[in-house]
C-alpha atoms as a PDB file:
ATOM      1  CA  MET A   1     -38.357-120.357 -89.084  1.00  0.00           C
ATOM      2  CA  LEU A   2     -36.018-122.047 -86.598  1.00  0.00           C
ATOM      3  CA  LEU A   3     -33.250-119.619 -87.572  1.00  0.00           C
ATOM      4  CA  PHE A   4     -35.621-116.663 -87.173  1.00  0.00           C
ATOM      5  CA  ALA A   5     -36.704-117.900 -83.752  1.00  0.00           C
ATOM      6  CA  TYR A   6     -33.058-118.347 -82.713  1.00  0.00           C
ATOM      7  CA  ILE A   7     -32.212-114.779 -83.741  1.00  0.00           C
ATOM      8  CA  LEU A   8     -35.152-113.412 -81.758  1.00  0.00           C
ATOM      9  CA  PHE A   9     -34.200-115.457 -78.711  1.00  0.00           C
ATOM     10  CA  THR A  10     -30.525-114.455 -78.754  1.00  0.00           C
ATOM     11  CA  SER A  11     -31.350-110.794 -79.335  1.00  0.00           C
ATOM     12  CA  TYR A  12     -33.748-110.772 -76.386  1.00  0.00           C
ATOM     13  CA  PHE A  13     -31.333-112.736 -74.191  1.00  0.00           C
ATOM     14  CA  PHE A  14     -28.279-110.530 -74.829  1.00  0.00           C
ATOM     15  CA  LYS A  15     -30.387-107.406 -74.542  1.00  0.00           C
ATOM     16  CA  ASP A  16     -31.311-108.453 -71.020  1.00  0.00           C
ATOM     17  CA  VAL A  17     -27.677-109.280 -70.268  1.00  0.00           C
ATOM     18  CA  ARG A  18     -26.556-105.831 -71.414  1.00  0.00           C
ATOM     19  CA  ARG A  19     -29.254-104.205 -69.318  1.00  0.00           C
ATOM     20  CA  SER A  20     -28.028-106.031 -66.242  1.00  0.00           C
ATOM     21  CA  ASP A  21     -24.385-104.972 -66.757  1.00  0.00           C
ATOM     22  CA  THR A  22     -23.219-102.423 -64.186  1.00  0.00           C
ATOM     23  CA  CYS A  23     -20.289-100.049 -64.096  1.00  0.00           C
ATOM     24  CA  LYS A  24     -17.394-101.771 -62.364  1.00  0.00           C
ATOM     25  CA  SER A  25     -15.090 -98.799 -61.952  1.00  0.00           C
ATOM     26  CA  ILE A  26     -14.140 -95.343 -63.161  1.00  0.00           C
ATOM     27  CA  GLU A  27     -10.731 -94.421 -64.561  1.00  0.00           C
ATOM     28  CA  VAL A  28      -9.683 -90.773 -64.612  1.00  0.00           C
ATOM     29  CA  VAL A  29      -6.728 -89.480 -66.617  1.00  0.00           C
ATOM     30  CA  VAL A  30      -5.709 -85.841 -66.100  1.00  0.00           C
ATOM     31  CA  LYS A  31      -3.520 -85.543 -69.180  1.00  0.00           C
ATOM     32  CA  ASP A  32      -1.306 -82.609 -68.126  1.00  0.00           C
ATOM     33  CA  SER A  33      -1.123 -83.320 -64.404  1.00  0.00           C
ATOM     34  CA  LEU A  34       2.696 -83.326 -64.415  1.00  0.00           C
ATOM     35  CA  GLU A  35       2.757 -79.687 -65.539  1.00  0.00           C
ATOM     36  CA  LYS A  36      -0.284 -78.281 -63.724  1.00  0.00           C
ATOM     37  CA  HIS A  37      -2.037 -79.355 -60.555  1.00  0.00           C
ATOM     38  CA  PHE A  38      -5.353 -77.515 -60.616  1.00  0.00           C
ATOM     39  CA  VAL A  39      -7.531 -80.655 -60.466  1.00  0.00           C
ATOM     40  CA  THR A  40      -6.925 -84.235 -59.341  1.00  0.00           C
ATOM     41  CA  GLU A  41      -8.690 -87.554 -59.769  1.00  0.00           C
ATOM     42  CA  ALA A  42      -9.992 -87.242 -56.200  1.00  0.00           C
ATOM     43  CA  ASP A  43     -11.468 -83.802 -56.971  1.00  0.00           C
ATOM     44  CA  LEU A  44     -13.345 -85.141 -59.977  1.00  0.00           C
ATOM     45  CA  THR A  45     -14.728 -88.265 -58.331  1.00  0.00           C
ATOM     46  CA  SER A  46     -15.857 -86.246 -55.285  1.00  0.00           C
ATOM     47  CA  PHE A  47     -17.600 -83.783 -57.589  1.00  0.00           C
ATOM     48  CA  LEU A  48     -19.433 -86.554 -59.455  1.00  0.00           C
ATOM     49  CA  LYS A  49     -20.616 -88.031 -56.163  1.00  0.00           C
ATOM     50  CA  ARG A  50     -21.975 -84.666 -55.011  1.00  0.00           C
ATOM     51  CA  GLU A  51     -23.785 -84.225 -58.317  1.00  0.00           C
ATOM     52  CA  LYS A  52     -25.151 -87.801 -58.135  1.00  0.00           C
ATOM     53  CA  LEU A  53     -23.370 -88.655 -61.377  1.00  0.00           C
ATOM     54  CA  TYR A  54     -20.859 -91.119 -59.951  1.00  0.00           C
ATOM     55  CA  PRO A  55     -21.265 -94.148 -62.237  1.00  0.00           C
ATOM     56  CA  VAL A  56     -19.850 -97.073 -60.251  1.00  0.00           C
ATOM     57  CA  ASP A  57     -22.458 -99.827 -59.548  1.00  0.00           C
ATOM     58  CA  LYS A  58     -25.003 -98.159 -61.826  1.00  0.00           C
ATOM     59  CA  PRO A  59     -26.374 -99.962 -64.910  1.00  0.00           C
ATOM     60  CA  MET A  60     -24.284 -99.023 -67.929  1.00  0.00           C
ATOM     61  CA  THR A  61     -27.423 -98.244 -69.935  1.00  0.00           C
ATOM     62  CA  GLU A  62     -28.423 -95.584 -67.377  1.00  0.00           C
ATOM     63  CA  ILE A  63     -25.090 -93.768 -67.385  1.00  0.00           C
ATOM     64  CA  ASN A  64     -25.180 -90.588 -69.477  1.00  0.00           C
ATOM     65  CA  THR A  65     -21.623 -89.683 -70.428  1.00  0.00           C
ATOM     66  CA  ASP A  66     -22.772 -86.413 -72.028  1.00  0.00           C
ATOM     67  CA  LYS A  67     -24.148 -85.254 -68.671  1.00  0.00           C
ATOM     68  CA  ILE A  68     -20.901 -86.221 -66.963  1.00  0.00           C
ATOM     69  CA  GLU A  69     -18.901 -84.167 -69.473  1.00  0.00           C
ATOM     70  CA  GLU A  70     -21.256 -81.192 -69.161  1.00  0.00           C
ATOM     71  CA  ALA A  71     -21.080 -81.257 -65.359  1.00  0.00           C
ATOM     72  CA  LEU A  72     -17.277 -81.463 -65.235  1.00  0.00           C
ATOM     73  CA  LEU A  73     -16.913 -78.630 -67.744  1.00  0.00           C
ATOM     74  CA  SER A  74     -18.633 -76.350 -65.231  1.00  0.00           C
ATOM     75  CA  ASN A  75     -15.330 -76.489 -63.330  1.00  0.00           C
ATOM     76  CA  GLU A  76     -13.451 -73.340 -64.383  1.00  0.00           C
ATOM     77  CA  MET A  77     -10.129 -75.194 -64.133  1.00  0.00           C
ATOM     78  CA  ILE A  78     -11.049 -77.664 -66.885  1.00  0.00           C
ATOM     79  CA  ALA A  79     -10.644 -77.014 -70.624  1.00  0.00           C
ATOM     80  CA  ASN A  80     -11.924 -80.299 -72.069  1.00  0.00           C
ATOM     81  CA  VAL A  81     -13.466 -83.608 -70.950  1.00  0.00           C
ATOM     82  CA  GLU A  82     -14.062 -86.851 -72.827  1.00  0.00           C
ATOM     83  CA  ALA A  83     -16.157 -89.471 -71.046  1.00  0.00           C
ATOM     84  CA  TYR A  84     -16.843 -92.868 -72.614  1.00  0.00           C
ATOM     85  CA  LYS A  85     -17.851 -96.446 -71.798  1.00  0.00           C
ATOM     86  CA  THR A  86     -15.755 -99.549 -72.374  1.00  0.00           C
ATOM     87  CA  PRO A  87     -17.080-103.054 -73.154  1.00  0.00           C
ATOM     88  CA  SER A  88     -15.593-104.250 -69.856  1.00  0.00           C
ATOM     89  CA  GLY A  89     -17.921-102.013 -67.819  1.00  0.00           C
ATOM     90  CA  ILE A  90     -15.566 -99.123 -67.079  1.00  0.00           C
ATOM     91  CA  ILE A  91     -16.245 -95.402 -67.447  1.00  0.00           C
ATOM     92  CA  LYS A  92     -13.142 -93.579 -68.618  1.00  0.00           C
ATOM     93  CA  LEU A  93     -12.589 -89.839 -68.227  1.00  0.00           C
ATOM     94  CA  GLU A  94      -9.872 -87.959 -70.069  1.00  0.00           C
ATOM     95  CA  VAL A  95      -9.521 -84.458 -68.667  1.00  0.00           C
ATOM     96  CA  LYS A  96      -7.449 -81.536 -69.913  1.00  0.00           C
ATOM     97  CA  GLN A  97      -6.826 -78.593 -67.615  1.00  0.00           C
ATOM     98  CA  LYS A  98      -6.850 -74.952 -68.678  1.00  0.00           C
ATOM     99  CA  MET A  99      -3.494 -73.308 -69.373  1.00  0.00           C
ATOM    100  CA  PRO A 100      -3.019 -69.991 -67.532  1.00  0.00           C
ATOM    101  CA  ILE A 101      -0.867 -67.369 -69.244  1.00  0.00           C
ATOM    102  CA  LEU A 102      -1.432 -64.372 -66.946  1.00  0.00           C
ATOM    103  CA  ARG A 103      -2.317 -63.754 -63.308  1.00  0.00           C
ATOM    104  CA  VAL A 104      -4.340 -60.640 -62.515  1.00  0.00           C
ATOM    105  CA  ILE A 105      -4.257 -59.042 -59.062  1.00  0.00           C
ATOM    106  CA  SER A 106      -6.425 -55.939 -58.931  1.00  0.00           C
ATOM    107  CA  VAL A 107      -9.137 -54.201 -56.942  1.00  0.00           C
ATOM    108  CA  HIS A 108     -11.627 -56.043 -59.163  1.00  0.00           C
ATOM    109  CA  GLY A 109     -10.385 -59.517 -58.348  1.00  0.00           C
ATOM    110  CA  ASN A 110      -7.579 -62.052 -58.216  1.00  0.00           C
ATOM    111  CA  PHE A 111      -7.689 -64.569 -61.064  1.00  0.00           C
ATOM    112  CA  TYR A 112      -5.899 -66.122 -64.030  1.00  0.00           C
ATOM    113  CA  ILE A 113      -6.475 -65.594 -67.740  1.00  0.00           C
ATOM    114  CA  ASP A 114      -5.978 -68.772 -69.774  1.00  0.00           C
ATOM    115  CA  ASN A 115      -4.690 -69.220 -73.326  1.00  0.00           C
ATOM    116  CA  LYS A 116      -8.254 -68.997 -74.693  1.00  0.00           C
ATOM    117  CA  GLY A 117      -8.968 -65.651 -73.028  1.00  0.00           C
ATOM    118  CA  THR A 118     -11.281 -67.009 -70.329  1.00  0.00           C
ATOM    119  CA  VAL A 119     -11.081 -66.471 -66.573  1.00  0.00           C
ATOM    120  CA  MET A 120      -9.730 -69.102 -64.190  1.00  0.00           C
ATOM    121  CA  PRO A 121      -9.977 -68.879 -60.391  1.00  0.00           C
ATOM    122  CA  VAL A 122      -6.850 -68.912 -58.259  1.00  0.00           C
ATOM    123  CA  SER A 123      -6.054 -72.327 -56.794  1.00  0.00           C
ATOM    124  CA  ASN A 124      -5.096 -72.992 -53.162  1.00  0.00           C
ATOM    125  CA  ARG A 125      -3.149 -76.022 -54.360  1.00  0.00           C
ATOM    126  CA  TYR A 126      -1.005 -74.709 -57.192  1.00  0.00           C
ATOM    127  CA  VAL A 127       0.547 -71.417 -58.305  1.00  0.00           C
ATOM    128  CA  ALA A 128       1.264 -71.043 -62.017  1.00  0.00           C
ATOM    129  CA  HIS A 129       4.531 -69.308 -62.909  1.00  0.00           C
ATOM    130  CA  VAL A 130       3.186 -66.719 -65.345  1.00  0.00           C
ATOM    131  CA  PRO A 131       3.528 -62.915 -65.626  1.00  0.00           C
ATOM    132  CA  VAL A 132       1.565 -60.974 -63.011  1.00  0.00           C
ATOM    133  CA  ALA A 133      -0.581 -57.961 -63.937  1.00  0.00           C
ATOM    134  CA  SER A 134      -1.656 -55.584 -61.184  1.00  0.00           C
ATOM    135  CA  GLY A 135      -3.097 -52.114 -60.766  1.00  0.00           C
ATOM    136  CA  PHE A 136      -6.306 -50.669 -62.203  1.00  0.00           C
ATOM    137  CA  ILE A 137      -7.563 -53.621 -64.241  1.00  0.00           C
ATOM    138  CA  GLU A 138     -11.152 -54.336 -65.225  1.00  0.00           C
ATOM    139  CA  LYS A 139     -12.015 -57.954 -65.931  1.00  0.00           C
ATOM    140  CA  GLU A 140     -13.082 -57.088 -69.497  1.00  0.00           C
ATOM    141  CA  GLN A 141      -9.705 -55.445 -70.158  1.00  0.00           C
ATOM    142  CA  ALA A 142      -7.939 -58.524 -68.744  1.00  0.00           C
ATOM    143  CA  MET A 143      -9.860 -60.777 -71.150  1.00  0.00           C
ATOM    144  CA  THR A 144      -9.148 -58.630 -74.231  1.00  0.00           C
ATOM    145  CA  ASP A 145      -6.159 -56.277 -74.396  1.00  0.00           C
ATOM    146  CA  LEU A 146      -4.126 -57.890 -71.614  1.00  0.00           C
ATOM    147  CA  TYR A 147      -4.958 -61.347 -72.939  1.00  0.00           C
ATOM    148  CA  LYS A 148      -3.513 -60.436 -76.355  1.00  0.00           C
ATOM    149  CA  PHE A 149      -0.389 -59.048 -74.722  1.00  0.00           C
ATOM    150  CA  ALA A 150       0.048 -62.092 -72.465  1.00  0.00           C
ATOM    151  CA  LEU A 151      -0.469 -64.426 -75.426  1.00  0.00           C
ATOM    152  CA  PHE A 152       2.277 -62.569 -77.300  1.00  0.00           C
ATOM    153  CA  LEU A 153       4.614 -62.956 -74.318  1.00  0.00           C
ATOM    154  CA  GLN A 154       3.861 -66.665 -74.066  1.00  0.00           C
ATOM    155  CA  GLU A 155       4.586 -67.256 -77.745  1.00  0.00           C
ATOM    156  CA  ASP A 156       7.811 -65.204 -77.809  1.00  0.00           C
ATOM    157  CA  LYS A 157      10.669 -67.068 -76.116  1.00  0.00           C
ATOM    158  CA  PHE A 158      12.728 -63.944 -75.356  1.00  0.00           C
ATOM    159  CA  TRP A 159       9.962 -61.783 -73.918  1.00  0.00           C
ATOM    160  CA  ASN A 160       8.400 -64.671 -72.045  1.00  0.00           C
ATOM    161  CA  ALA A 161      11.679 -65.056 -70.179  1.00  0.00           C
ATOM    162  CA  GLN A 162      12.156 -61.310 -69.708  1.00  0.00           C
ATOM    163  CA  ILE A 163       8.843 -59.767 -68.607  1.00  0.00           C
ATOM    164  CA  GLU A 164       7.858 -60.601 -65.028  1.00  0.00           C
ATOM    165  CA  GLN A 165       5.294 -57.975 -63.988  1.00  0.00           C
ATOM    166  CA  ILE A 166       2.801 -55.671 -65.691  1.00  0.00           C
ATOM    167  CA  TYR A 167       1.353 -52.636 -63.938  1.00  0.00           C
ATOM    168  CA  ILE A 168      -1.684 -50.747 -65.263  1.00  0.00           C
ATOM    169  CA  HIS A 169      -2.034 -47.136 -64.111  1.00  0.00           C
ATOM    170  CA  SER A 170      -5.392 -45.430 -63.584  1.00  0.00           C
ATOM    171  CA  ASP A 171      -5.004 -43.612 -66.927  1.00  0.00           C
ATOM    172  CA  GLY A 172      -4.500 -46.941 -68.738  1.00  0.00           C
ATOM    173  CA  GLU A 173      -0.762 -46.583 -69.299  1.00  0.00           C
ATOM    174  CA  VAL A 174       1.404 -49.637 -68.766  1.00  0.00           C
ATOM    175  CA  ASP A 175       4.700 -50.240 -66.983  1.00  0.00           C
ATOM    176  CA  LEU A 176       6.696 -53.460 -67.320  1.00  0.00           C
ATOM    177  CA  ILE A 177       9.119 -54.920 -64.792  1.00  0.00           C
ATOM    178  CA  PRO A 178      11.759 -57.194 -66.350  1.00  0.00           C
ATOM    179  CA  ARG A 179      13.426 -60.208 -64.746  1.00  0.00           C
ATOM    180  CA  VAL A 180      16.879 -59.067 -65.890  1.00  0.00           C
ATOM    181  CA  GLY A 181      18.084 -55.551 -65.123  1.00  0.00           C
ATOM    182  CA  ASP A 182      17.099 -53.126 -62.389  1.00  0.00           C
ATOM    183  CA  HIS A 183      14.992 -50.775 -64.506  1.00  0.00           C
ATOM    184  CA  ARG A 184      11.356 -49.976 -65.255  1.00  0.00           C
ATOM    185  CA  ILE A 185       9.969 -50.087 -68.797  1.00  0.00           C
ATOM    186  CA  VAL A 186       7.331 -47.475 -69.616  1.00  0.00           C
ATOM    187  CA  LEU A 187       5.278 -49.009 -72.414  1.00  0.00           C
ATOM    188  CA  GLY A 188       2.557 -46.342 -72.454  1.00  0.00           C
ATOM    189  CA  ALA A 189      -0.650 -47.549 -74.079  1.00  0.00           C
ATOM    190  CA  LEU A 190      -0.866 -51.225 -75.043  1.00  0.00           C
ATOM    191  CA  ASP A 191      -1.589 -50.229 -78.632  1.00  0.00           C
ATOM    192  CA  GLY A 192       1.335 -51.116 -80.856  1.00  0.00           C
ATOM    193  CA  PHE A 193       3.118 -53.023 -78.124  1.00  0.00           C
ATOM    194  CA  LYS A 194       4.919 -55.319 -80.576  1.00  0.00           C
ATOM    195  CA  GLY A 195       6.655 -52.464 -82.380  1.00  0.00           C
ATOM    196  CA  LYS A 196       7.661 -50.910 -79.063  1.00  0.00           C
ATOM    197  CA  LEU A 197       9.146 -54.172 -77.838  1.00  0.00           C
ATOM    198  CA  ASP A 198      10.964 -54.633 -81.145  1.00  0.00           C
ATOM    199  CA  ASN A 199      12.631 -51.255 -80.527  1.00  0.00           C
ATOM    200  CA  LEU A 200      13.488 -52.290 -76.977  1.00  0.00           C
ATOM    201  CA  ARG A 201      14.992 -55.552 -78.191  1.00  0.00           C
ATOM    202  CA  LEU A 202      17.221 -53.560 -80.548  1.00  0.00           C
ATOM    203  CA  PHE A 203      18.194 -51.322 -77.629  1.00  0.00           C
ATOM    204  CA  TYR A 204      19.079 -54.380 -75.542  1.00  0.00           C
ATOM    205  CA  ASP A 205      21.181 -55.802 -78.376  1.00  0.00           C
ATOM    206  CA  LYS A 206      23.052 -52.613 -79.337  1.00  0.00           C
ATOM    207  CA  VAL A 207      23.211 -50.307 -76.289  1.00  0.00           C
ATOM    208  CA  VAL A 208      23.089 -52.459 -73.148  1.00  0.00           C
ATOM    209  CA  PRO A 209      26.289 -54.423 -73.979  1.00  0.00           C
ATOM    210  CA  LYS A 210      28.161 -51.086 -74.076  1.00  0.00           C
ATOM    211  CA  MET A 211      26.410 -49.201 -71.241  1.00  0.00           C
ATOM    212  CA  GLY A 212      25.461 -52.068 -68.914  1.00  0.00           C
ATOM    213  CA  TRP A 213      22.141 -53.055 -67.328  1.00  0.00           C
ATOM    214  CA  GLU A 214      22.532 -50.663 -64.387  1.00  0.00           C
ATOM    215  CA  LYS A 215      23.028 -47.441 -66.376  1.00  0.00           C
ATOM    216  CA  TYR A 216      19.328 -46.479 -66.612  1.00  0.00           C
ATOM    217  CA  SER A 217      16.479 -46.552 -64.117  1.00  0.00           C
ATOM    218  CA  ILE A 218      13.673 -45.977 -66.661  1.00  0.00           C
ATOM    219  CA  ILE A 219      13.405 -46.952 -70.335  1.00  0.00           C
ATOM    220  CA  ASN A 220      10.494 -45.124 -71.918  1.00  0.00           C
ATOM    221  CA  LEU A 221       8.921 -46.560 -75.091  1.00  0.00           C
ATOM    222  CA  LYS A 222       5.706 -44.546 -75.193  1.00  0.00           C
ATOM    223  CA  TYR A 223       6.879 -42.044 -77.829  1.00  0.00           C
ATOM    224  CA  LYS A 224       6.696 -43.134 -81.450  1.00  0.00           C
ATOM    225  CA  ASN A 225       9.923 -44.476 -82.958  1.00  0.00           C
ATOM    226  CA  GLN A 226      12.117 -43.361 -80.075  1.00  0.00           C
ATOM    227  CA  ILE A 227      13.424 -44.564 -76.732  1.00  0.00           C
ATOM    228  CA  VAL A 228      13.909 -42.085 -73.886  1.00  0.00           C
ATOM    229  CA  CYS A 229      16.110 -43.288 -71.027  1.00  0.00           C
ATOM    230  CA  THR A 230      16.520 -41.868 -67.511  1.00  0.00           C
ATOM    231  CA  LYS A 231      19.968 -42.264 -65.980  1.00  0.00           C
ATOM    232  CA  ARG A 232      20.420 -43.236 -62.353  1.00  0.00           C
END
């Protein structure tokens, strides 16, 4: 009976102690902050204060880390958030930013597309060095067809280094502006872009070393299994 009474007493006592514990501080880690600068620790703490979710000096038992994560994920610059409590009374936040792979500048808006196909707003603080798509671009097209094309560019070392700009005409046809060479690439429709670029890569490997980069002003890939070039 004495042992039972002791267990009840200690359980009640430590329960009250835990209830009285308050959050001493918050630690924020933006994991990829050296590569991208879309959000900072100051941004996140200011946001939590505005939303009345800032945890410091609040009882640990009243702090809802799920709500903190949900609120921070409303920021369109953030891909993932993990919020958790430590036994020492600290709330830790581990934040991962979105990764832009394409910037869209069109009559329908100015925004990024990330590597998951979702829209990111443009930041006043940081400009991502990614291909730029302009012209007649609907947001839905940017999130589907252009996203697939941009993802291909990102994953292909050669084309990621070569393609700088993408222009969409009103009829949906696509022009590409390369970083190397003073020529325009007429891709035509985005359908079958990989095969077209494979043909262009062969052209670069076999013809350009003999003719030079400045020989042609336009390289047209829109016709099936052929390349039509316009001389200067």
